[in-house]
C-alpha cells in the first residue's frame, strides 16, 4: 500500500533537495501521483530507490550529478531508437533497390549454398528458418554469413566491376557521376530555361527539388505546360534516370538511387 507524502515532506525526511526529487520523479525512479493538484511521492518507492542505488549520505552535488548522468543515458537511448527507426523507414522505402543490390552482390558468390544463405538472410528471411533449411545451427549460420560479408568486403575489384556495368548507360556523357550531368545534355532549351529560374542546372539539383516537393510540383512552375513537363519526364526516362511505374508514379532508376543514397 502506498504511503503518499509531498515532495517537501520527503525532502525533509531524507535530507534530499526538492529539485533532486523532482528530477527522480520525471525519470520514473519514484512512484508518484497527482492528488488534489499536488504531486505526491510514495514513501516506500522512495525507500526502495535509495536502497537499490545506495545513495544515502550522498551530497546534493553528487545526487545532481547522478541525475544528469541518468538524463544523459536517457538521451543516448532515445537517440539510438531514433536512429533505428530511421534505418527501418529507409529500408522499407528503398526495399526494391536493396533487393537489386543484394542480387548483384550475390553474383560474386560461386558456392550455391553460400549464395542462397547470403541472399535469403540479406532479404530478411529469419535466420532460424535459414538454419533449418541448411541443416545448420543458428550460430553456424551467423558465423557463415559474417564470413561471406567479410569476403565480399575484400573483393572490392569485382564489386567495382558491377558498378561499372551499372553505370554503362551513362558512359556517353563521359562522367563518373551521372548526377553532375547538365540537364541541357538531354532536355530541350525551353525546359532548361524554365528550370534555370529555380537555379536547377544539373540532374542532382533537379532530383533535390523533386525529392522535396514532388514531381508534380514541376507542373506549377511558371511557363511549364503539360507538353514541356512530359518532355522532361520522357527525357529523364529515356536517359535511364527515372522509372515510370504502372500506376504512373515516378521513382529513381536503381543505378541513380544508389548514387543518391
C-alpha atoms as a PDB file:
ATOM      1  CA  UNK A   1       0.000   0.000   0.000  1.00  0.00           C
ATOM      2  CA  UNK A   2       1.340   3.397  -0.989  1.00  0.00           C
ATOM      3  CA  UNK A   3       2.308   5.934   1.658  1.00  0.00           C
ATOM      4  CA  UNK A   4       1.899   9.304  -0.033  1.00  0.00           C
ATOM      5  CA  UNK A   5       3.950  12.307   1.027  1.00  0.00           C
ATOM      6  CA  UNK A   6       4.536  15.679  -0.541  1.00  0.00           C
ATOM      7  CA  UNK A   7       7.871  16.432  -2.154  1.00  0.00           C
ATOM      8  CA  UNK A   8       8.634  18.799   0.708  1.00  0.00           C
ATOM      9  CA  UNK A   9       7.890  16.112   3.315  1.00  0.00           C
ATOM     10  CA  UNK A  10      10.109  13.575   1.547  1.00  0.00           C
ATOM     11  CA  UNK A  11      12.836  16.192   1.177  1.00  0.00           C
ATOM     12  CA  UNK A  12      12.807  16.945   4.902  1.00  0.00           C
ATOM     13  CA  UNK A  13      12.693  13.254   5.861  1.00  0.00           C
ATOM     14  CA  UNK A  14      15.664  12.152   3.753  1.00  0.00           C
ATOM     15  CA  UNK A  15      17.580  15.423   3.513  1.00  0.00           C
ATOM     16  CA  UNK A  16      17.418  15.425  -0.291  1.00  0.00           C
ATOM     17  CA  UNK A  17      16.812  18.611  -2.275  1.00  0.00           C
ATOM     18  CA  UNK A  18      13.328  19.060  -3.727  1.00  0.00           C
ATOM     19  CA  UNK A  19      14.832  19.690  -7.186  1.00  0.00           C
ATOM     20  CA  UNK A  20      16.574  16.315  -6.981  1.00  0.00           C
ATOM     21  CA  UNK A  21      13.317  14.597  -6.030  1.00  0.00           C
ATOM     22  CA  UNK A  22      11.510  16.252  -8.931  1.00  0.00           C
ATOM     23  CA  UNK A  23      14.229  15.017 -11.256  1.00  0.00           C
ATOM     24  CA  UNK A  24      13.889  11.470  -9.985  1.00  0.00           C
ATOM     25  CA  UNK A  25      10.127  11.720 -10.361  1.00  0.00           C
ATOM     26  CA  UNK A  26      10.422  12.805 -14.016  1.00  0.00           C
ATOM     27  CA  UNK A  27      12.787   9.912 -14.708  1.00  0.00           C
ATOM     28  CA  UNK A  28      10.290   7.493 -13.177  1.00  0.00           C
ATOM     29  CA  UNK A  29      12.568   6.413 -10.350  1.00  0.00           C
ATOM     30  CA  UNK A  30       9.927   7.184  -7.714  1.00  0.00           C
ATOM     31  CA  UNK A  31       6.254   6.256  -7.869  1.00  0.00           C
ATOM     32  CA  UNK A  32       4.159   9.401  -7.789  1.00  0.00           C
ATOM     33  CA  UNK A  33       0.579  10.559  -8.175  1.00  0.00           C
ATOM     34  CA  UNK A  34      -1.341  13.800  -8.519  1.00  0.00           C
ATOM     35  CA  UNK A  35      -3.686  14.250  -5.569  1.00  0.00           C
ATOM     36  CA  UNK A  36      -5.730  17.461  -5.405  1.00  0.00           C
ATOM     37  CA  UNK A  37      -3.348  19.017  -7.955  1.00  0.00           C
ATOM     38  CA  UNK A  38      -0.355  18.252  -5.698  1.00  0.00           C
ATOM     39  CA  UNK A  39       2.465  15.910  -6.689  1.00  0.00           C
ATOM     40  CA  UNK A  40       2.652  13.162  -4.081  1.00  0.00           C
ATOM     41  CA  UNK A  41       5.510  10.656  -3.745  1.00  0.00           C
ATOM     42  CA  UNK A  42       5.231   7.095  -2.497  1.00  0.00           C
ATOM     43  CA  UNK A  43       7.473   6.883   0.553  1.00  0.00           C
ATOM     44  CA  UNK A  44       8.004   3.125   0.120  1.00  0.00           C
ATOM     45  CA  UNK A  45       9.053   3.654  -3.500  1.00  0.00           C
ATOM     46  CA  UNK A  46      11.490   6.299  -2.322  1.00  0.00           C
ATOM     47  CA  UNK A  47      12.992   3.910   0.222  1.00  0.00           C
ATOM     48  CA  UNK A  48      13.399   1.152  -2.371  1.00  0.00           C
ATOM     49  CA  UNK A  49      15.122   3.556  -4.749  1.00  0.00           C
ATOM     50  CA  UNK A  50      17.587   4.702  -2.111  1.00  0.00           C
ATOM     51  CA  UNK A  51      18.349   1.153  -1.032  1.00  0.00           C
ATOM     52  CA  UNK A  52      18.847  -0.021  -4.598  1.00  0.00           C
ATOM     53  CA  UNK A  53      21.141   2.811  -5.621  1.00  0.00           C
ATOM     54  CA  UNK A  54      22.841   3.242  -2.217  1.00  0.00           C
ATOM     55  CA  UNK A  55      22.573   6.996  -2.378  1.00  0.00           C
ATOM     56  CA  UNK A  56      22.099   7.588   1.330  1.00  0.00           C
ATOM     57  CA  UNK A  57      24.605  10.072   2.598  1.00  0.00           C
ATOM     58  CA  UNK A  58      25.471  11.482  -0.846  1.00  0.00           C
ATOM     59  CA  UNK A  59      25.721  15.244  -1.064  1.00  0.00           C
ATOM     60  CA  UNK A  60      23.324  17.301  -3.163  1.00  0.00           C
ATOM     61  CA  UNK A  61      26.091  17.828  -5.725  1.00  0.00           C
ATOM     62  CA  UNK A  62      26.627  14.078  -6.026  1.00  0.00           C
ATOM     63  CA  UNK A  63      22.920  13.461  -6.360  1.00  0.00           C
ATOM     64  CA  UNK A  64      22.558  16.163  -9.003  1.00  0.00           C
ATOM     65  CA  UNK A  65      25.493  14.679 -10.867  1.00  0.00           C
ATOM     66  CA  UNK A  66      23.803  11.269 -10.766  1.00  0.00           C
ATOM     67  CA  UNK A  67      20.603  12.775 -12.174  1.00  0.00           C
ATOM     68  CA  UNK A  68      22.492  14.432 -15.015  1.00  0.00           C
ATOM     69  CA  UNK A  69      24.203  11.126 -15.822  1.00  0.00           C
ATOM     70  CA  UNK A  70      20.844   9.351 -15.942  1.00  0.00           C
ATOM     71  CA  UNK A  71      19.354  12.092 -18.117  1.00  0.00           C
ATOM     72  CA  UNK A  72      22.290  11.740 -20.471  1.00  0.00           C
ATOM     73  CA  UNK A  73      21.773   7.967 -20.576  1.00  0.00           C
ATOM     74  CA  UNK A  74      18.138   8.539 -21.422  1.00  0.00           C
ATOM     75  CA  UNK A  75      19.042  10.890 -24.295  1.00  0.00           C
ATOM     76  CA  UNK A  76      21.512   8.336 -25.650  1.00  0.00           C
ATOM     77  CA  UNK A  77      18.883   5.588 -25.554  1.00  0.00           C
ATOM     78  CA  UNK A  78      16.267   7.781 -27.251  1.00  0.00           C
ATOM     79  CA  UNK A  79      18.805   8.801 -29.880  1.00  0.00           C
ATOM     80  CA  UNK A  80      19.514   5.158 -30.653  1.00  0.00           C
ATOM     81  CA  UNK A  81      15.803   4.486 -31.046  1.00  0.00           C
ATOM     82  CA  UNK A  82      15.541   7.435 -33.454  1.00  0.00           C
ATOM     83  CA  UNK A  83      18.472   6.116 -35.487  1.00  0.00           C
ATOM     84  CA  UNK A  84      16.997   2.615 -35.628  1.00  0.00           C
ATOM     85  CA  UNK A  85      13.590   3.982 -36.623  1.00  0.00           C
ATOM     86  CA  UNK A  86      15.206   5.998 -39.413  1.00  0.00           C
ATOM     87  CA  UNK A  87      17.028   2.917 -40.678  1.00  0.00           C
ATOM     88  CA  UNK A  88      13.830   0.861 -40.626  1.00  0.00           C
ATOM     89  CA  UNK A  89      11.940   3.538 -42.560  1.00  0.00           C
ATOM     90  CA  UNK A  90      14.796   3.859 -45.052  1.00  0.00           C
ATOM     91  CA  UNK A  91      14.996   0.095 -45.511  1.00  0.00           C
ATOM     92  CA  UNK A  92      11.254  -0.060 -46.176  1.00  0.00           C
ATOM     93  CA  UNK A  93      11.325   2.876 -48.593  1.00  0.00           C
ATOM     94  CA  UNK A  94      14.247   1.556 -50.626  1.00  0.00           C
ATOM     95  CA  UNK A  95      13.491  -2.147 -50.239  1.00  0.00           C
ATOM     96  CA  UNK A  96      13.225  -2.743 -54.030  1.00  0.00           C
ATOM     97  CA  UNK A  97      16.605  -1.081 -54.518  1.00  0.00           C
ATOM     98  CA  UNK A  98      18.221  -3.065 -51.714  1.00  0.00           C
ATOM     99  CA  UNK A  99      16.973  -6.309 -53.268  1.00  0.00           C
ATOM    100  CA  UNK A 100      18.560  -5.358 -56.582  1.00  0.00           C
ATOM    101  CA  UNK A 101      21.878  -4.587 -54.900  1.00  0.00           C
ATOM    102  CA  UNK A 102      21.750  -7.816 -52.911  1.00  0.00           C
ATOM    103  CA  UNK A 103      21.154  -9.866 -56.060  1.00  0.00           C
ATOM    104  CA  UNK A 104      24.049  -8.121 -57.778  1.00  0.00           C
ATOM    105  CA  UNK A 105      26.373  -8.913 -54.882  1.00  0.00           C
ATOM    106  CA  UNK A 106      25.071 -12.482 -54.858  1.00  0.00           C
ATOM    107  CA  UNK A 107      26.552 -12.938 -58.329  1.00  0.00           C
ATOM    108  CA  UNK A 108      30.004 -12.695 -56.772  1.00  0.00           C
ATOM    109  CA  UNK A 109      29.376 -15.827 -54.666  1.00  0.00           C
ATOM    110  CA  UNK A 110      30.143 -19.010 -56.606  1.00  0.00           C
ATOM    111  CA  UNK A 111      29.048 -21.559 -53.987  1.00  0.00           C
ATOM    112  CA  UNK A 112      25.298 -22.213 -54.373  1.00  0.00           C
ATOM    113  CA  UNK A 113      24.635 -22.856 -50.669  1.00  0.00           C
ATOM    114  CA  UNK A 114      26.550 -19.771 -49.588  1.00  0.00           C
ATOM    115  CA  UNK A 115      24.785 -17.668 -52.216  1.00  0.00           C
ATOM    116  CA  UNK A 116      21.387 -18.847 -51.008  1.00  0.00           C
ATOM    117  CA  UNK A 117      22.337 -18.163 -47.411  1.00  0.00           C
ATOM    118  CA  UNK A 118      23.527 -14.651 -48.277  1.00  0.00           C
ATOM    119  CA  UNK A 119      20.534 -13.753 -50.451  1.00  0.00           C
ATOM    120  CA  UNK A 120      17.871 -15.040 -48.085  1.00  0.00           C
ATOM    121  CA  UNK A 121      19.257 -13.521 -44.896  1.00  0.00           C
ATOM    122  CA  UNK A 122      20.056 -10.209 -46.605  1.00  0.00           C
ATOM    123  CA  UNK A 123      16.490 -10.132 -47.943  1.00  0.00           C
ATOM    124  CA  UNK A 124      15.039 -10.521 -44.464  1.00  0.00           C
ATOM    125  CA  UNK A 125      14.317 -14.239 -44.055  1.00  0.00           C
ATOM    126  CA  UNK A 126      14.605 -15.284 -40.371  1.00  0.00           C
ATOM    127  CA  UNK A 127      17.994 -16.795 -39.573  1.00  0.00           C
ATOM    128  CA  UNK A 128      16.350 -19.671 -37.699  1.00  0.00           C
ATOM    129  CA  UNK A 129      14.466 -20.718 -40.833  1.00  0.00           C
ATOM    130  CA  UNK A 130      17.606 -20.485 -42.957  1.00  0.00           C
ATOM    131  CA  UNK A 131      19.438 -22.637 -40.378  1.00  0.00           C
ATOM    132  CA  UNK A 132      16.814 -25.383 -40.613  1.00  0.00           C
ATOM    133  CA  UNK A 133      16.901 -25.410 -44.413  1.00  0.00           C
ATOM    134  CA  UNK A 134      20.690 -25.641 -44.479  1.00  0.00           C
ATOM    135  CA  UNK A 135      20.796 -28.104 -41.585  1.00  0.00           C
ATOM    136  CA  UNK A 136      22.976 -25.799 -39.529  1.00  0.00           C
ATOM    137  CA  UNK A 137      22.742 -24.309 -36.071  1.00  0.00           C
ATOM    138  CA  UNK A 138      21.773 -20.698 -35.577  1.00  0.00           C
ATOM    139  CA  UNK A 139      25.321 -19.770 -34.512  1.00  0.00           C
ATOM    140  CA  UNK A 140      26.818 -21.590 -37.532  1.00  0.00           C
ATOM    141  CA  UNK A 141      24.608 -19.607 -39.916  1.00  0.00           C
ATOM    142  CA  UNK A 142      25.535 -16.317 -38.233  1.00  0.00           C
ATOM    143  CA  UNK A 143      29.241 -17.177 -38.442  1.00  0.00           C
ATOM    144  CA  UNK A 144      28.961 -18.219 -42.098  1.00  0.00           C
ATOM    145  CA  UNK A 145      27.015 -15.077 -43.028  1.00  0.00           C
ATOM    146  CA  UNK A 146      29.625 -12.898 -41.320  1.00  0.00           C
ATOM    147  CA  UNK A 147      32.352 -14.750 -43.210  1.00  0.00           C
ATOM    148  CA  UNK A 148      30.580 -14.155 -46.529  1.00  0.00           C
ATOM    149  CA  UNK A 149      30.269 -10.433 -45.820  1.00  0.00           C
ATOM    150  CA  UNK A 150      33.951 -10.299 -44.926  1.00  0.00           C
ATOM    151  CA  UNK A 151      34.909 -11.935 -48.217  1.00  0.00           C
ATOM    152  CA  UNK A 152      32.672  -9.592 -50.205  1.00  0.00           C
ATOM    153  CA  UNK A 153      34.273  -6.634 -48.465  1.00  0.00           C
ATOM    154  CA  UNK A 154      37.709  -7.853 -49.526  1.00  0.00           C
ATOM    155  CA  UNK A 155      36.526  -8.370 -53.116  1.00  0.00           C
ATOM    156  CA  UNK A 156      36.254  -4.706 -53.994  1.00  0.00           C
ATOM    157  CA  UNK A 157      37.593  -5.079 -57.531  1.00  0.00           C
ATOM    158  CA  UNK A 158      34.708  -7.305 -58.604  1.00  0.00           C
ATOM    159  CA  UNK A 159      32.217  -5.036 -56.839  1.00  0.00           C
ATOM    160  CA  UNK A 160      33.717  -2.111 -58.740  1.00  0.00           C
ATOM    161  CA  UNK A 161      33.175  -4.076 -61.945  1.00  0.00           C
ATOM    162  CA  UNK A 162      29.486  -4.387 -61.113  1.00  0.00           C
ATOM    163  CA  UNK A 163      29.309  -0.649 -60.567  1.00  0.00           C
ATOM    164  CA  UNK A 164      30.976  -0.056 -63.931  1.00  0.00           C
ATOM    165  CA  UNK A 165      28.356  -2.230 -65.585  1.00  0.00           C
ATOM    166  CA  UNK A 166      25.571  -0.351 -63.790  1.00  0.00           C
ATOM    167  CA  UNK A 167      26.995   2.996 -64.964  1.00  0.00           C
ATOM    168  CA  UNK A 168      27.305   1.807 -68.585  1.00  0.00           C
ATOM    169  CA  UNK A 169      24.094   3.582 -69.736  1.00  0.00           C
ATOM    170  CA  UNK A 170      25.667   6.910 -68.742  1.00  0.00           C
ATOM    171  CA  UNK A 171      29.069   6.332 -70.331  1.00  0.00           C
ATOM    172  CA  UNK A 172      28.217   8.529 -73.339  1.00  0.00           C
ATOM    173  CA  UNK A 173      28.140  11.549 -71.014  1.00  0.00           C
ATOM    174  CA  UNK A 174      31.820  10.992 -70.135  1.00  0.00           C
ATOM    175  CA  UNK A 175      31.453  11.394 -66.375  1.00  0.00           C
ATOM    176  CA  UNK A 176      31.927   9.192 -63.333  1.00  0.00           C
ATOM    177  CA  UNK A 177      28.902  10.736 -61.647  1.00  0.00           C
ATOM    178  CA  UNK A 178      25.684  10.959 -63.695  1.00  0.00           C
ATOM    179  CA  UNK A 179      24.203  13.277 -61.070  1.00  0.00           C
ATOM    180  CA  UNK A 180      26.595  16.000 -62.222  1.00  0.00           C
ATOM    181  CA  UNK A 181      25.355  15.865 -65.825  1.00  0.00           C
ATOM    182  CA  UNK A 182      23.972  19.186 -67.054  1.00  0.00           C
ATOM    183  CA  UNK A 183      20.292  18.939 -67.970  1.00  0.00           C
ATOM    184  CA  UNK A 184      20.936  20.667 -71.280  1.00  0.00           C
ATOM    185  CA  UNK A 185      22.645  17.453 -72.447  1.00  0.00           C
ATOM    186  CA  UNK A 186      19.298  15.709 -72.901  1.00  0.00           C
ATOM    187  CA  UNK A 187      16.472  18.187 -72.127  1.00  0.00           C
ATOM    188  CA  UNK A 188      15.317  20.821 -74.623  1.00  0.00           C
ATOM    189  CA  UNK A 189      16.163  24.506 -74.294  1.00  0.00           C
ATOM    190  CA  UNK A 190      12.665  25.638 -73.284  1.00  0.00           C
ATOM    191  CA  UNK A 191      12.539  23.189 -70.374  1.00  0.00           C
ATOM    192  CA  UNK A 192      16.059  24.129 -69.267  1.00  0.00           C
ATOM    193  CA  UNK A 193      15.127  27.828 -69.344  1.00  0.00           C
ATOM    194  CA  UNK A 194      12.161  27.195 -67.026  1.00  0.00           C
ATOM    195  CA  UNK A 195      14.238  25.115 -64.600  1.00  0.00           C
ATOM    196  CA  UNK A 196      17.023  27.701 -64.535  1.00  0.00           C
ATOM    197  CA  UNK A 197      14.594  30.136 -62.883  1.00  0.00           C
ATOM    198  CA  UNK A 198      14.912  27.925 -59.797  1.00  0.00           C
ATOM    199  CA  UNK A 199      18.679  27.583 -60.311  1.00  0.00           C
ATOM    200  CA  UNK A 200      18.244  23.974 -61.404  1.00  0.00           C
ATOM    201  CA  UNK A 201      21.016  23.125 -63.833  1.00  0.00           C
ATOM    202  CA  UNK A 202      22.094  19.547 -63.112  1.00  0.00           C
ATOM    203  CA  UNK A 203      20.415  16.192 -62.616  1.00  0.00           C
ATOM    204  CA  UNK A 204      21.286  16.315 -58.918  1.00  0.00           C
ATOM    205  CA  UNK A 205      19.662  19.726 -58.421  1.00  0.00           C
ATOM    206  CA  UNK A 206      16.523  18.528 -60.193  1.00  0.00           C
ATOM    207  CA  UNK A 207      16.333  15.401 -58.049  1.00  0.00           C
ATOM    208  CA  UNK A 208      16.844  17.503 -54.923  1.00  0.00           C
ATOM    209  CA  UNK A 209      13.871  19.666 -55.903  1.00  0.00           C
ATOM    210  CA  UNK A 210      11.559  16.780 -56.780  1.00  0.00           C
ATOM    211  CA  UNK A 211      12.584  14.870 -53.657  1.00  0.00           C
ATOM    212  CA  UNK A 212      11.473  17.819 -51.542  1.00  0.00           C
ATOM    213  CA  UNK A 213       8.410  18.996 -53.455  1.00  0.00           C
ATOM    214  CA  UNK A 214       7.440  16.005 -55.620  1.00  0.00           C
ATOM    215  CA  UNK A 215       7.467  15.601 -59.377  1.00  0.00           C
ATOM    216  CA  UNK A 216       4.021  17.238 -59.869  1.00  0.00           C
ATOM    217  CA  UNK A 217       5.489  20.462 -58.460  1.00  0.00           C
ATOM    218  CA  UNK A 218       7.251  20.959 -61.794  1.00  0.00           C
ATOM    219  CA  UNK A 219       3.842  21.423 -63.430  1.00  0.00           C
ATOM    220  CA  UNK A 220       3.284  24.528 -61.304  1.00  0.00           C
ATOM    221  CA  UNK A 221       6.415  26.305 -62.487  1.00  0.00           C
ATOM    222  CA  UNK A 222       5.886  29.490 -64.455  1.00  0.00           C
ATOM    223  CA  UNK A 223       5.785  28.637 -68.157  1.00  0.00           C
ATOM    224  CA  UNK A 224       5.644  24.880 -67.591  1.00  0.00           C
ATOM    225  CA  UNK A 225       2.872  23.387 -69.703  1.00  0.00           C
ATOM    226  CA  UNK A 226       1.806  19.769 -69.943  1.00  0.00           C
ATOM    227  CA  UNK A 227       3.831  19.205 -73.105  1.00  0.00           C
ATOM    228  CA  UNK A 228       7.063  20.592 -71.645  1.00  0.00           C
ATOM    229  CA  UNK A 229       6.567  18.643 -68.420  1.00  0.00           C
ATOM    230  CA  UNK A 230       6.044  15.393 -70.327  1.00  0.00           C
ATOM    231  CA  UNK A 231       9.129  16.117 -72.426  1.00  0.00           C
ATOM    232  CA  UNK A 232      11.210  16.445 -69.250  1.00  0.00           C
ATOM    233  CA  UNK A 233       9.839  13.220 -67.793  1.00  0.00           C
ATOM    234  CA  UNK A 234      10.308  11.282 -71.033  1.00  0.00           C
ATOM    235  CA  UNK A 235      13.843  12.623 -71.460  1.00  0.00           C
ATOM    236  CA  UNK A 236      14.788  11.528 -67.947  1.00  0.00           C
ATOM    237  CA  UNK A 237      13.184   8.140 -68.551  1.00  0.00           C
ATOM    238  CA  UNK A 238      14.945   7.588 -71.871  1.00  0.00           C
ATOM    239  CA  UNK A 239      18.254   8.604 -70.293  1.00  0.00           C
ATOM    240  CA  UNK A 240      17.722   5.947 -67.581  1.00  0.00           C
ATOM    241  CA  UNK A 241      17.493   8.410 -64.698  1.00  0.00           C
ATOM    242  CA  UNK A 242      13.964   7.532 -63.626  1.00  0.00           C
ATOM    243  CA  UNK A 243      11.448   4.698 -63.822  1.00  0.00           C
ATOM    244  CA  UNK A 244       7.788   5.289 -64.636  1.00  0.00           C
ATOM    245  CA  UNK A 245       5.727   2.705 -62.788  1.00  0.00           C
ATOM    246  CA  UNK A 246       2.474   1.124 -63.913  1.00  0.00           C
ATOM    247  CA  UNK A 247       0.498   3.431 -61.624  1.00  0.00           C
ATOM    248  CA  UNK A 248       2.235   6.426 -63.288  1.00  0.00           C
ATOM    249  CA  UNK A 249       4.298   7.205 -60.190  1.00  0.00           C
ATOM    250  CA  UNK A 250       7.942   8.093 -60.717  1.00  0.00           C
ATOM    251  CA  UNK A 251      10.896   6.529 -58.921  1.00  0.00           C
ATOM    252  CA  UNK A 252      14.629   6.754 -59.460  1.00  0.00           C
ATOM    253  CA  UNK A 253      16.314   4.079 -61.518  1.00  0.00           C
ATOM    254  CA  UNK A 254      18.297   1.618 -59.364  1.00  0.00           C
ATOM    255  CA  UNK A 255      21.606   2.984 -60.661  1.00  0.00           C
ATOM    256  CA  UNK A 256      20.728   6.577 -59.821  1.00  0.00           C
ATOM    257  CA  UNK A 257      19.085   5.684 -56.500  1.00  0.00           C
ATOM    258  CA  UNK A 258      22.352   4.041 -55.460  1.00  0.00           C
ATOM    259  CA  UNK A 259      24.208   7.305 -56.050  1.00  0.00           C
ATOM    260  CA  UNK A 260      21.595   9.420 -54.280  1.00  0.00           C
ATOM    261  CA  UNK A 261      21.724   7.169 -51.203  1.00  0.00           C
END
